Amino acid sequence: MSMFIQDALAEQAPAAMGGTPPGLGQMFFILALFVVFYLMMIRPQMKRQKEHRKMISEIKPGDEVVVAGGIAGRVARVTDQFLAVEIADGVEVKVQKHAVGQVLPKGTLKSV
């Protein structure tokens, strides 16, 4: 019986003495997964948000826009938080600035 115990202890000794610590591979995998997640999801989203903020800050009266609900119109007035968008002759809708989805090229509304 004692021979089996000595053999078992002798086989375990080299594994404990050298090699990589258990869990280092898992930690590397989690770190690599986070880097891929950042590069594929977080960074592009931050870039889109930055472009959207820039677009909103550059809106001025006369620009043609499409708001999040799909309404297209011409900007009549701009305040700190809101835009007055003229969707028909004499019909204005007040929308929040961040609801603007796209600024259209000039003359787009005439062709629609």
PDB file of N, CA and C in Angstrom:
ATOM      1  N   MET A   1       0.811  -1.180   0.000  1.00  0.00           N
ATOM      2  CA  MET A   1       0.000   0.000   0.000  1.00  0.00           C
ATOM      3  C   MET A   1       0.857   1.247   0.000  1.00  0.00           C
ATOM      4  N   SER A   2       1.933   1.236   0.795  1.00  0.00           N
ATOM      5  CA  SER A   2       2.777   2.420   0.880  1.00  0.00           C
ATOM      6  C   SER A   2       3.483   2.694  -0.448  1.00  0.00           C
ATOM      7  N   MET A   3       3.648   1.676  -1.272  1.00  0.00           N
ATOM      8  CA  MET A   3       4.275   1.872  -2.564  1.00  0.00           C
ATOM      9  C   MET A   3       3.386   2.739  -3.460  1.00  0.00           C
ATOM     10  N   PHE A   4       2.071   2.553  -3.386  1.00  0.00           N
ATOM     11  CA  PHE A   4       1.160   3.348  -4.206  1.00  0.00           C
ATOM     12  C   PHE A   4       1.164   4.823  -3.793  1.00  0.00           C
ATOM     13  N   ILE A   5       1.268   5.077  -2.515  1.00  0.00           N
ATOM     14  CA  ILE A   5       1.281   6.455  -2.018  1.00  0.00           C
ATOM     15  C   ILE A   5       2.567   7.146  -2.453  1.00  0.00           C
ATOM     16  N   GLN A   6       3.683   6.462  -2.374  1.00  0.00           N
ATOM     17  CA  GLN A   6       4.947   7.059  -2.800  1.00  0.00           C
ATOM     18  C   GLN A   6       4.940   7.347  -4.296  1.00  0.00           C
ATOM     19  N   ASP A   7       4.373   6.451  -5.092  1.00  0.00           N
ATOM     20  CA  ASP A   7       4.283   6.679  -6.535  1.00  0.00           C
ATOM     21  C   ASP A   7       3.398   7.888  -6.841  1.00  0.00           C
ATOM     22  N   ALA A   8       2.300   8.023  -6.138  1.00  0.00           N
ATOM     23  CA  ALA A   8       1.388   9.140  -6.361  1.00  0.00           C
ATOM     24  C   ALA A   8       2.046  10.457  -6.002  1.00  0.00           C
ATOM     25  N   LEU A   9       2.758  10.520  -4.896  1.00  0.00           N
ATOM     26  CA  LEU A   9       3.445  11.742  -4.497  1.00  0.00           C
ATOM     27  C   LEU A   9       4.574  12.083  -5.466  1.00  0.00           C
ATOM     28  N   ALA A  10       5.257  11.086  -5.964  1.00  0.00           N
ATOM     29  CA  ALA A  10       6.348  11.309  -6.904  1.00  0.00           C
ATOM     30  C   ALA A  10       5.824  11.852  -8.227  1.00  0.00           C
ATOM     31  N   GLU A  11       4.652  11.440  -8.663  1.00  0.00           N
ATOM     32  CA  GLU A  11       4.085  11.921  -9.927  1.00  0.00           C
ATOM     33  C   GLU A  11       3.578  13.354  -9.811  1.00  0.00           C
ATOM     34  N   GLN A  12       3.117  13.775  -8.652  1.00  0.00           N
ATOM     35  CA  GLN A  12       2.572  15.124  -8.474  1.00  0.00           C
ATOM     36  C   GLN A  12       3.663  16.165  -8.269  1.00  0.00           C
ATOM     37  N   ALA A  13       4.810  15.799  -7.808  1.00  0.00           N
ATOM     38  CA  ALA A  13       5.863  16.750  -7.460  1.00  0.00           C
ATOM     39  C   ALA A  13       6.313  17.597  -8.653  1.00  0.00           C
ATOM     40  N   PRO A  14       6.611  17.056  -9.840  1.00  0.00           N
ATOM     41  CA  PRO A  14       7.074  17.906 -10.941  1.00  0.00           C
ATOM     42  C   PRO A  14       6.007  18.922 -11.389  1.00  0.00           C
ATOM     43  N   ALA A  15       4.762  18.587 -11.343  1.00  0.00           N
ATOM     44  CA  ALA A  15       3.710  19.505 -11.771  1.00  0.00           C
ATOM     45  C   ALA A  15       3.634  20.711 -10.852  1.00  0.00           C
ATOM     46  N   ALA A  16       3.865  20.503  -9.564  1.00  0.00           N
ATOM     47  CA  ALA A  16       3.807  21.596  -8.601  1.00  0.00           C
ATOM     48  C   ALA A  16       5.059  22.458  -8.667  1.00  0.00           C
ATOM     49  N   MET A  17       6.178  21.906  -9.120  1.00  0.00           N
ATOM     50  CA  MET A  17       7.443  22.629  -9.119  1.00  0.00           C
ATOM     51  C   MET A  17       7.544  23.617 -10.281  1.00  0.00           C
ATOM     52  N   GLY A  18       7.049  23.314 -11.442  1.00  0.00           N
ATOM     53  CA  GLY A  18       7.243  24.181 -12.606  1.00  0.00           C
ATOM     54  C   GLY A  18       5.979  24.304 -13.427  1.00  0.00           C
ATOM     55  N   GLY A  19       6.083  24.929 -14.605  1.00  0.00           N
ATOM     56  CA  GLY A  19       4.929  25.086 -15.477  1.00  0.00           C
ATOM     57  C   GLY A  19       4.208  26.396 -15.200  1.00  0.00           C
ATOM     58  N   THR A  20       3.112  26.589 -15.872  1.00  0.00           N
ATOM     59  CA  THR A  20       2.331  27.816 -15.670  1.00  0.00           C
ATOM     60  C   THR A  20       1.371  27.635 -14.514  1.00  0.00           C
ATOM     61  N   PRO A  21       1.113  28.682 -13.788  1.00  0.00           N
ATOM     62  CA  PRO A  21       0.150  28.573 -12.691  1.00  0.00           C
ATOM     63  C   PRO A  21      -1.242  28.255 -13.225  1.00  0.00           C
ATOM     64  N   PRO A  22      -1.995  27.448 -12.511  1.00  0.00           N
ATOM     65  CA  PRO A  22      -3.350  27.150 -12.992  1.00  0.00           C
ATOM     66  C   PRO A  22      -4.196  28.414 -12.959  1.00  0.00           C
ATOM     67  N   GLY A  23      -4.909  28.670 -14.020  1.00  0.00           N
ATOM     68  CA  GLY A  23      -5.770  29.845 -14.083  1.00  0.00           C
ATOM     69  C   GLY A  23      -5.163  30.971 -14.902  1.00  0.00           C
ATOM     70  N   LEU A  24      -3.859  30.908 -15.215  1.00  0.00           N
ATOM     71  CA  LEU A  24      -3.233  31.966 -16.016  1.00  0.00           C
ATOM     72  C   LEU A  24      -3.808  31.965 -17.439  1.00  0.00           C
ATOM     73  N   GLY A  25      -4.055  30.792 -17.963  1.00  0.00           N
ATOM     74  CA  GLY A  25      -4.652  30.685 -19.294  1.00  0.00           C
ATOM     75  C   GLY A  25      -6.063  31.264 -19.317  1.00  0.00           C
ATOM     76  N   GLN A  26      -6.824  31.017 -18.264  1.00  0.00           N
ATOM     77  CA  GLN A  26      -8.176  31.553 -18.169  1.00  0.00           C
ATOM     78  C   GLN A  26      -8.150  33.069 -18.054  1.00  0.00           C
ATOM     79  N   MET A  27      -7.209  33.590 -17.263  1.00  0.00           N
ATOM     80  CA  MET A  27      -7.097  35.033 -17.101  1.00  0.00           C
ATOM     81  C   MET A  27      -6.704  35.693 -18.426  1.00  0.00           C
ATOM     82  N   PHE A  28      -5.787  35.067 -19.166  1.00  0.00           N
ATOM     83  CA  PHE A  28      -5.393  35.584 -20.473  1.00  0.00           C
ATOM     84  C   PHE A  28      -6.585  35.577 -21.431  1.00  0.00           C
ATOM     85  N   PHE A  29      -7.374  34.520 -21.406  1.00  0.00           N
ATOM     86  CA  PHE A  29      -8.546  34.420 -22.274  1.00  0.00           C
ATOM     87  C   PHE A  29      -9.557  35.525 -21.963  1.00  0.00           C
ATOM     88  N   ILE A  30      -9.812  35.785 -20.683  1.00  0.00           N
ATOM     89  CA  ILE A  30     -10.760  36.834 -20.295  1.00  0.00           C
ATOM     90  C   ILE A  30     -10.239  38.206 -20.731  1.00  0.00           C
ATOM     91  N   LEU A  31      -8.950  38.438 -20.561  1.00  0.00           N
ATOM     92  CA  LEU A  31      -8.349  39.698 -20.980  1.00  0.00           C
ATOM     93  C   LEU A  31      -8.447  39.873 -22.496  1.00  0.00           C
ATOM     94  N   ALA A  32      -8.147  38.821 -23.247  1.00  0.00           N
ATOM     95  CA  ALA A  32      -8.253  38.877 -24.702  1.00  0.00           C
ATOM     96  C   ALA A  32      -9.704  39.099 -25.137  1.00  0.00           C
ATOM     97  N   LEU A  33     -10.632  38.489 -24.446  1.00  0.00           N
ATOM     98  CA  LEU A  33     -12.050  38.669 -24.760  1.00  0.00           C
ATOM     99  C   LEU A  33     -12.479  40.113 -24.528  1.00  0.00           C
ATOM    100  N   PHE A  34     -12.012  40.718 -23.441  1.00  0.00           N
ATOM    101  CA  PHE A  34     -12.323  42.119 -23.165  1.00  0.00           C
ATOM    102  C   PHE A  34     -11.743  43.034 -24.235  1.00  0.00           C
ATOM    103  N   VAL A  35     -10.513  42.777 -24.677  1.00  0.00           N
ATOM    104  CA  VAL A  35      -9.886  43.602 -25.722  1.00  0.00           C
ATOM    105  C   VAL A  35     -10.685  43.507 -27.014  1.00  0.00           C
ATOM    106  N   VAL A  36     -11.086  42.314 -27.396  1.00  0.00           N
ATOM    107  CA  VAL A  36     -11.891  42.141 -28.614  1.00  0.00           C
ATOM    108  C   VAL A  36     -13.233  42.830 -28.457  1.00  0.00           C
ATOM    109  N   PHE A  37     -13.854  42.702 -27.305  1.00  0.00           N
ATOM    110  CA  PHE A  37     -15.139  43.355 -27.046  1.00  0.00           C
ATOM    111  C   PHE A  37     -14.999  44.869 -27.168  1.00  0.00           C
ATOM    112  N   TYR A  38     -13.926  45.424 -26.616  1.00  0.00           N
ATOM    113  CA  TYR A  38     -13.696  46.868 -26.690  1.00  0.00           C
ATOM    114  C   TYR A  38     -13.519  47.306 -28.140  1.00  0.00           C
ATOM    115  N   LEU A  39     -12.699  46.585 -28.894  1.00  0.00           N
ATOM    116  CA  LEU A  39     -12.417  46.983 -30.269  1.00  0.00           C
ATOM    117  C   LEU A  39     -13.618  46.811 -31.193  1.00  0.00           C
ATOM    118  N   MET A  40     -14.449  45.819 -30.932  1.00  0.00           N
ATOM    119  CA  MET A  40     -15.567  45.533 -31.834  1.00  0.00           C
ATOM    120  C   MET A  40     -16.855  46.253 -31.457  1.00  0.00           C
ATOM    121  N   MET A  41     -17.052  46.592 -30.177  1.00  0.00           N
ATOM    122  CA  MET A  41     -18.333  47.146 -29.747  1.00  0.00           C
ATOM    123  C   MET A  41     -18.211  48.542 -29.145  1.00  0.00           C
ATOM    124  N   ILE A  42     -17.380  48.705 -28.145  1.00  0.00           N
ATOM    125  CA  ILE A  42     -17.352  49.956 -27.385  1.00  0.00           C
ATOM    126  C   ILE A  42     -16.744  51.086 -28.199  1.00  0.00           C
ATOM    127  N   ARG A  43     -15.609  50.865 -28.812  1.00  0.00           N
ATOM    128  CA  ARG A  43     -14.923  51.925 -29.549  1.00  0.00           C
ATOM    129  C   ARG A  43     -15.749  52.448 -30.724  1.00  0.00           C
ATOM    130  N   PRO A  44     -16.333  51.597 -31.578  1.00  0.00           N
ATOM    131  CA  PRO A  44     -17.155  52.133 -32.669  1.00  0.00           C
ATOM    132  C   PRO A  44     -18.383  52.899 -32.169  1.00  0.00           C
ATOM    133  N   GLN A  45     -18.983  52.440 -31.067  1.00  0.00           N
ATOM    134  CA  GLN A  45     -20.141  53.135 -30.515  1.00  0.00           C
ATOM    135  C   GLN A  45     -19.747  54.522 -30.022  1.00  0.00           C
ATOM    136  N   MET A  46     -18.601  54.625 -29.364  1.00  0.00           N
ATOM    137  CA  MET A  46     -18.126  55.931 -28.900  1.00  0.00           C
ATOM    138  C   MET A  46     -17.851  56.856 -30.074  1.00  0.00           C
ATOM    139  N   LYS A  47     -17.339  56.313 -31.167  1.00  0.00           N
ATOM    140  CA  LYS A  47     -17.072  57.113 -32.367  1.00  0.00           C
ATOM    141  C   LYS A  47     -18.377  57.634 -32.970  1.00  0.00           C
ATOM    142  N   ARG A  48     -19.401  56.780 -33.040  1.00  0.00           N
ATOM    143  CA  ARG A  48     -20.705  57.210 -33.567  1.00  0.00           C
ATOM    144  C   ARG A  48     -21.321  58.295 -32.690  1.00  0.00           C
ATOM    145  N   GLN A  49     -21.206  58.152 -31.371  1.00  0.00           N
ATOM    146  CA  GLN A  49     -21.748  59.161 -30.463  1.00  0.00           C
ATOM    147  C   GLN A  49     -21.036  60.486 -30.647  1.00  0.00           C
ATOM    148  N   LYS A  50     -19.742  60.457 -30.818  1.00  0.00           N
ATOM    149  CA  LYS A  50     -18.974  61.684 -31.024  1.00  0.00           C
ATOM    150  C   LYS A  50     -19.389  62.362 -32.328  1.00  0.00           C
ATOM    151  N   GLU A  51     -19.565  61.600 -33.401  1.00  0.00           N
ATOM    152  CA  GLU A  51     -20.005  62.165 -34.682  1.00  0.00           C
ATOM    153  C   GLU A  51     -21.414  62.747 -34.564  1.00  0.00           C
ATOM    154  N   HIS A  52     -22.309  62.074 -33.822  1.00  0.00           N
ATOM    155  CA  HIS A  52     -23.682  62.560 -33.659  1.00  0.00           C
ATOM    156  C   HIS A  52     -23.704  63.870 -32.874  1.00  0.00           C
ATOM    157  N   ARG A  53     -22.901  63.946 -31.798  1.00  0.00           N
ATOM    158  CA  ARG A  53     -22.815  65.195 -31.028  1.00  0.00           C
ATOM    159  C   ARG A  53     -22.300  66.337 -31.897  1.00  0.00           C
ATOM    160  N   LYS A  54     -21.312  66.055 -32.739  1.00  0.00           N
ATOM    161  CA  LYS A  54     -20.763  67.082 -33.633  1.00  0.00           C
ATOM    162  C   LYS A  54     -21.827  67.532 -34.631  1.00  0.00           C
ATOM    163  N   MET A  55     -22.564  66.575 -35.201  1.00  0.00           N
ATOM    164  CA  MET A  55     -23.611  66.902 -36.163  1.00  0.00           C
ATOM    165  C   MET A  55     -24.673  67.788 -35.514  1.00  0.00           C
ATOM    166  N   ILE A  56     -25.085  67.451 -34.305  1.00  0.00           N
ATOM    167  CA  ILE A  56     -26.120  68.223 -33.605  1.00  0.00           C
ATOM    168  C   ILE A  56     -25.630  69.632 -33.283  1.00  0.00           C
ATOM    169  N   SER A  57     -24.377  69.752 -32.897  1.00  0.00           N
ATOM    170  CA  SER A  57     -23.862  71.077 -32.544  1.00  0.00           C
ATOM    171  C   SER A  57     -23.741  71.995 -33.761  1.00  0.00           C
ATOM    172  N   GLU A  58     -23.666  71.417 -34.961  1.00  0.00           N
ATOM    173  CA  GLU A  58     -23.501  72.218 -36.173  1.00  0.00           C
ATOM    174  C   GLU A  58     -24.816  72.535 -36.876  1.00  0.00           C
ATOM    175  N   ILE A  59     -25.954  72.093 -36.340  1.00  0.00           N
ATOM    176  CA  ILE A  59     -27.248  72.372 -36.971  1.00  0.00           C
ATOM    177  C   ILE A  59     -27.563  73.854 -36.844  1.00  0.00           C
ATOM    178  N   LYS A  60     -28.025  74.421 -37.949  1.00  0.00           N
ATOM    179  CA  LYS A  60     -28.395  75.841 -37.953  1.00  0.00           C
ATOM    180  C   LYS A  60     -29.705  76.003 -38.715  1.00  0.00           C
ATOM    181  N   PRO A  61     -30.384  77.143 -38.554  1.00  0.00           N
ATOM    182  CA  PRO A  61     -31.636  77.371 -39.278  1.00  0.00           C
ATOM    183  C   PRO A  61     -31.413  77.255 -40.793  1.00  0.00           C
ATOM    184  N   GLY A  62     -32.355  76.600 -41.439  1.00  0.00           N
ATOM    185  CA  GLY A  62     -32.263  76.379 -42.882  1.00  0.00           C
ATOM    186  C   GLY A  62     -31.795  74.990 -43.251  1.00  0.00           C
ATOM    187  N   ASP A  63     -31.194  74.270 -42.317  1.00  0.00           N
ATOM    188  CA  ASP A  63     -30.761  72.893 -42.593  1.00  0.00           C
ATOM    189  C   ASP A  63     -31.974  71.989 -42.716  1.00  0.00           C
ATOM    190  N   GLU A  64     -31.863  70.998 -43.571  1.00  0.00           N
ATOM    191  CA  GLU A  64     -32.925  70.006 -43.734  1.00  0.00           C
ATOM    192  C   GLU A  64     -32.529  68.766 -42.939  1.00  0.00           C
ATOM    193  N   VAL A  65     -33.438  68.296 -42.076  1.00  0.00           N
ATOM    194  CA  VAL A  65     -33.132  67.193 -41.174  1.00  0.00           C
ATOM    195  C   VAL A  65     -34.224  66.130 -41.208  1.00  0.00           C
ATOM    196  N   VAL A  66     -33.872  64.953 -40.734  1.00  0.00           N
ATOM    197  CA  VAL A  66     -34.824  63.871 -40.489  1.00  0.00           C
ATOM    198  C   VAL A  66     -34.704  63.536 -39.015  1.00  0.00           C
ATOM    199  N   VAL A  67     -35.822  63.589 -38.303  1.00  0.00           N
ATOM    200  CA  VAL A  67     -35.806  63.274 -36.872  1.00  0.00           C
ATOM    201  C   VAL A  67     -36.037  61.781 -36.676  1.00  0.00           C
ATOM    202  N   ALA A  68     -35.869  61.317 -35.449  1.00  0.00           N
ATOM    203  CA  ALA A  68     -35.932  59.883 -35.140  1.00  0.00           C
ATOM    204  C   ALA A  68     -37.260  59.248 -35.540  1.00  0.00           C
ATOM    205  N   GLY A  69     -38.343  59.981 -35.501  1.00  0.00           N
ATOM    206  CA  GLY A  69     -39.641  59.436 -35.875  1.00  0.00           C
ATOM    207  C   GLY A  69     -39.852  59.331 -37.370  1.00  0.00           C
ATOM    208  N   GLY A  70     -38.885  59.804 -38.161  1.00  0.00           N
ATOM    209  CA  GLY A  70     -38.977  59.726 -39.611  1.00  0.00           C
ATOM    210  C   GLY A  70     -39.532  60.987 -40.242  1.00  0.00           C
ATOM    211  N   ILE A  71     -39.786  62.010 -39.453  1.00  0.00           N
ATOM    212  CA  ILE A  71     -40.324  63.264 -39.986  1.00  0.00           C
ATOM    213  C   ILE A  71     -39.170  64.069 -40.568  1.00  0.00           C
ATOM    214  N   ALA A  72     -39.352  64.520 -41.805  1.00  0.00           N
ATOM    215  CA  ALA A  72     -38.345  65.336 -42.474  1.00  0.00           C
ATOM    216  C   ALA A  72     -38.849  66.767 -42.552  1.00  0.00           C
ATOM    217  N   GLY A  73     -37.952  67.699 -42.361  1.00  0.00           N
ATOM    218  CA  GLY A  73     -38.334  69.104 -42.435  1.00  0.00           C
ATOM    219  C   GLY A  73     -37.128  70.017 -42.416  1.00  0.00           C
ATOM    220  N   ARG A  74     -37.417  71.304 -42.457  1.00  0.00           N
ATOM    221  CA  ARG A  74     -36.375  72.329 -42.454  1.00  0.00           C
ATOM    222  C   ARG A  74     -36.327  72.982 -41.080  1.00  0.00           C
ATOM    223  N   VAL A  75     -35.140  73.194 -40.540  1.00  0.00           N
ATOM    224  CA  VAL A  75     -34.966  73.794 -39.224  1.00  0.00           C
ATOM    225  C   VAL A  75     -35.301  75.272 -39.314  1.00  0.00           C
ATOM    226  N   ALA A  76     -36.254  75.726 -38.475  1.00  0.00           N
ATOM    227  CA  ALA A  76     -36.655  77.129 -38.450  1.00  0.00           C
ATOM    228  C   ALA A  76     -35.909  77.883 -37.352  1.00  0.00           C
ATOM    229  N   ARG A  77     -35.826  77.296 -36.165  1.00  0.00           N
ATOM    230  CA  ARG A  77     -35.156  77.936 -35.034  1.00  0.00           C
ATOM    231  C   ARG A  77     -34.376  76.885 -34.249  1.00  0.00           C
ATOM    232  N   VAL A  78     -33.297  77.358 -33.628  1.00  0.00           N
ATOM    233  CA  VAL A  78     -32.459  76.485 -32.807  1.00  0.00           C
ATOM    234  C   VAL A  78     -32.303  77.124 -31.432  1.00  0.00           C
ATOM    235  N   THR A  79     -32.588  76.344 -30.375  1.00  0.00           N
ATOM    236  CA  THR A  79     -32.321  76.779 -29.009  1.00  0.00           C
ATOM    237  C   THR A  79     -31.317  75.805 -28.390  1.00  0.00           C
ATOM    238  N   ASP A  80     -31.077  75.920 -27.094  1.00  0.00           N
ATOM    239  CA  ASP A  80     -30.097  75.048 -26.438  1.00  0.00           C
ATOM    240  C   ASP A  80     -30.474  73.576 -26.525  1.00  0.00           C
ATOM    241  N   GLN A  81     -31.736  73.256 -26.250  1.00  0.00           N
ATOM    242  CA  GLN A  81     -32.170  71.862 -26.183  1.00  0.00           C
ATOM    243  C   GLN A  81     -33.103  71.438 -27.316  1.00  0.00           C
ATOM    244  N   PHE A  82     -33.750  72.402 -27.982  1.00  0.00           N
ATOM    245  CA  PHE A  82     -34.802  72.071 -28.937  1.00  0.00           C
ATOM    246  C   PHE A  82     -34.563  72.713 -30.304  1.00  0.00           C
ATOM    247  N   LEU A  83     -35.233  72.135 -31.288  1.00  0.00           N
ATOM    248  CA  LEU A  83     -35.268  72.670 -32.647  1.00  0.00           C
ATOM    249  C   LEU A  83     -36.729  72.862 -33.040  1.00  0.00           C
ATOM    250  N   ALA A  84     -36.998  73.920 -33.782  1.00  0.00           N
ATOM    251  CA  ALA A  84     -38.313  74.076 -34.394  1.00  0.00           C
ATOM    252  C   ALA A  84     -38.142  73.641 -35.843  1.00  0.00           C
ATOM    253  N   VAL A  85     -38.789  72.549 -36.207  1.00  0.00           N
ATOM    254  CA  VAL A  85     -38.656  71.988 -37.548  1.00  0.00           C
ATOM    255  C   VAL A  85     -39.944  72.252 -38.311  1.00  0.00           C
ATOM    256  N   GLU A  86     -39.817  72.926 -39.453  1.00  0.00           N
ATOM    257  CA  GLU A  86     -40.985  73.211 -40.298  1.00  0.00           C
ATOM    258  C   GLU A  86     -41.195  72.019 -41.222  1.00  0.00           C
ATOM    259  N   ILE A  87     -42.335  71.337 -41.032  1.00  0.00           N
ATOM    260  CA  ILE A  87     -42.602  70.128 -41.821  1.00  0.00           C
ATOM    261  C   ILE A  87     -43.519  70.406 -42.998  1.00  0.00           C
ATOM    262  N   ALA A  88     -44.218  71.547 -42.975  1.00  0.00           N
ATOM    263  CA  ALA A  88     -45.052  72.005 -44.085  1.00  0.00           C
ATOM    264  C   ALA A  88     -45.127  73.527 -43.967  1.00  0.00           C
ATOM    265  N   ASP A  89     -45.696  74.180 -44.963  1.00  0.00           N
ATOM    266  CA  ASP A  89     -45.805  75.642 -44.911  1.00  0.00           C
ATOM    267  C   ASP A  89     -46.608  76.053 -43.691  1.00  0.00           C
ATOM    268  N   GLY A  90     -45.960  76.772 -42.776  1.00  0.00           N
ATOM    269  CA  GLY A  90     -46.627  77.272 -41.582  1.00  0.00           C
ATOM    270  C   GLY A  90     -46.831  76.245 -40.480  1.00  0.00           C
ATOM    271  N   VAL A  91     -46.337  75.025 -40.642  1.00  0.00           N
ATOM    272  CA  VAL A  91     -46.503  73.984 -39.619  1.00  0.00           C
ATOM    273  C   VAL A  91     -45.120  73.663 -39.038  1.00  0.00           C
ATOM    274  N   GLU A  92     -44.959  73.983 -37.756  1.00  0.00           N
ATOM    275  CA  GLU A  92     -43.687  73.722 -37.094  1.00  0.00           C
ATOM    276  C   GLU A  92     -43.880  72.717 -35.963  1.00  0.00           C
ATOM    277  N   VAL A  93     -42.881  71.876 -35.807  1.00  0.00           N
ATOM    278  CA  VAL A  93     -42.872  70.880 -34.747  1.00  0.00           C
ATOM    279  C   VAL A  93     -41.621  71.134 -33.914  1.00  0.00           C
ATOM    280  N   LYS A  94     -41.786  71.124 -32.612  1.00  0.00           N
ATOM    281  CA  LYS A  94     -40.647  71.308 -31.727  1.00  0.00           C
ATOM    282  C   LYS A  94     -40.126  69.931 -31.326  1.00  0.00           C
ATOM    283  N   VAL A  95     -38.826  69.686 -31.553  1.00  0.00           N
ATOM    284  CA  VAL A  95     -38.212  68.399 -31.220  1.00  0.00           C
ATOM    285  C   VAL A  95     -36.926  68.643 -30.442  1.00  0.00           C
ATOM    286  N   GLN A  96     -36.536  67.665 -29.665  1.00  0.00           N
ATOM    287  CA  GLN A  96     -35.261  67.752 -28.967  1.00  0.00           C
ATOM    288  C   GLN A  96     -34.121  67.570 -29.966  1.00  0.00           C
ATOM    289  N   LYS A  97     -33.022  68.219 -29.694  1.00  0.00           N
ATOM    290  CA  LYS A  97     -31.884  68.151 -30.614  1.00  0.00           C
ATOM    291  C   LYS A  97     -31.384  66.723 -30.821  1.00  0.00           C
ATOM    292  N   HIS A  98     -31.301  65.946 -29.750  1.00  0.00           N
ATOM    293  CA  HIS A  98     -30.743  64.599 -29.893  1.00  0.00           C
ATOM    294  C   HIS A  98     -31.656  63.668 -30.684  1.00  0.00           C
ATOM    295  N   ALA A  99     -32.884  64.113 -30.996  1.00  0.00           N
ATOM    296  CA  ALA A  99     -33.795  63.288 -31.797  1.00  0.00           C
ATOM    297  C   ALA A  99     -33.484  63.370 -33.290  1.00  0.00           C
ATOM    298  N   VAL A 100     -32.607  64.284 -33.673  1.00  0.00           N
ATOM    299  CA  VAL A 100     -32.237  64.405 -35.087  1.00  0.00           C
ATOM    300  C   VAL A 100     -31.386  63.203 -35.461  1.00  0.00           C
ATOM    301  N   GLY A 101     -31.823  62.506 -36.483  1.00  0.00           N
ATOM    302  CA  GLY A 101     -31.103  61.321 -36.919  1.00  0.00           C
ATOM    303  C   GLY A 101     -30.153  61.582 -38.050  1.00  0.00           C
ATOM    304  N   GLN A 102     -30.471  62.591 -38.878  1.00  0.00           N
ATOM    305  CA  GLN A 102     -29.666  62.820 -40.067  1.00  0.00           C
ATOM    306  C   GLN A 102     -29.872  64.247 -40.552  1.00  0.00           C
ATOM    307  N   VAL A 103     -28.813  64.862 -41.025  1.00  0.00           N
ATOM    308  CA  VAL A 103     -28.900  66.153 -41.694  1.00  0.00           C
ATOM    309  C   VAL A 103     -28.821  65.857 -43.186  1.00  0.00           C
ATOM    310  N   LEU A 104     -29.826  66.304 -43.927  1.00  0.00           N
ATOM    311  CA  LEU A 104     -29.909  66.018 -45.349  1.00  0.00           C
ATOM    312  C   LEU A 104     -29.178  67.080 -46.161  1.00  0.00           C
ATOM    313  N   PRO A 105     -28.737  66.734 -47.371  1.00  0.00           N
ATOM    314  CA  PRO A 105     -28.155  67.745 -48.255  1.00  0.00           C
ATOM    315  C   PRO A 105     -29.218  68.765 -48.660  1.00  0.00           C
ATOM    316  N   LYS A 106     -28.783  69.971 -48.947  1.00  0.00           N
ATOM    317  CA  LYS A 106     -29.718  71.048 -49.331  1.00  0.00           C
ATOM    318  C   LYS A 106     -30.492  70.640 -50.574  1.00  0.00           C
ATOM    319  N   GLY A 107     -31.801  70.945 -50.567  1.00  0.00           N
ATOM    320  CA  GLY A 107     -32.656  70.653 -51.710  1.00  0.00           C
ATOM    321  C   GLY A 107     -33.271  69.264 -51.706  1.00  0.00           C
ATOM    322  N   THR A 108     -32.983  68.470 -50.705  1.00  0.00           N
ATOM    323  CA  THR A 108     -33.527  67.109 -50.654  1.00  0.00           C
ATOM    324  C   THR A 108     -35.036  67.118 -50.476  1.00  0.00           C
ATOM    325  N   LEU A 109     -35.567  68.031 -49.662  1.00  0.00           N
ATOM    326  CA  LEU A 109     -36.995  68.062 -49.408  1.00  0.00           C
ATOM    327  C   LEU A 109     -37.799  68.445 -50.648  1.00  0.00           C
ATOM    328  N   LYS A 110     -37.237  69.247 -51.524  1.00  0.00           N
ATOM    329  CA  LYS A 110     -37.943  69.623 -52.762  1.00  0.00           C
ATOM    330  C   LYS A 110     -38.093  68.432 -53.689  1.00  0.00           C
ATOM    331  N   SER A 111     -37.153  67.525 -53.657  1.00  0.00           N
ATOM    332  CA  SER A 111     -37.208  66.370 -54.557  1.00  0.00           C
ATOM    333  C   SER A 111     -38.103  65.250 -54.024  1.00  0.00           C
ATOM    334  N   VAL A 112     -38.528  65.361 -52.777  1.00  0.00           N
ATOM    335  CA  VAL A 112     -39.351  64.307 -52.171  1.00  0.00           C
ATOM    336  C   VAL A 112     -40.799  64.549 -52.450  1.00  0.00           C
TER     337      VAL A 112
END
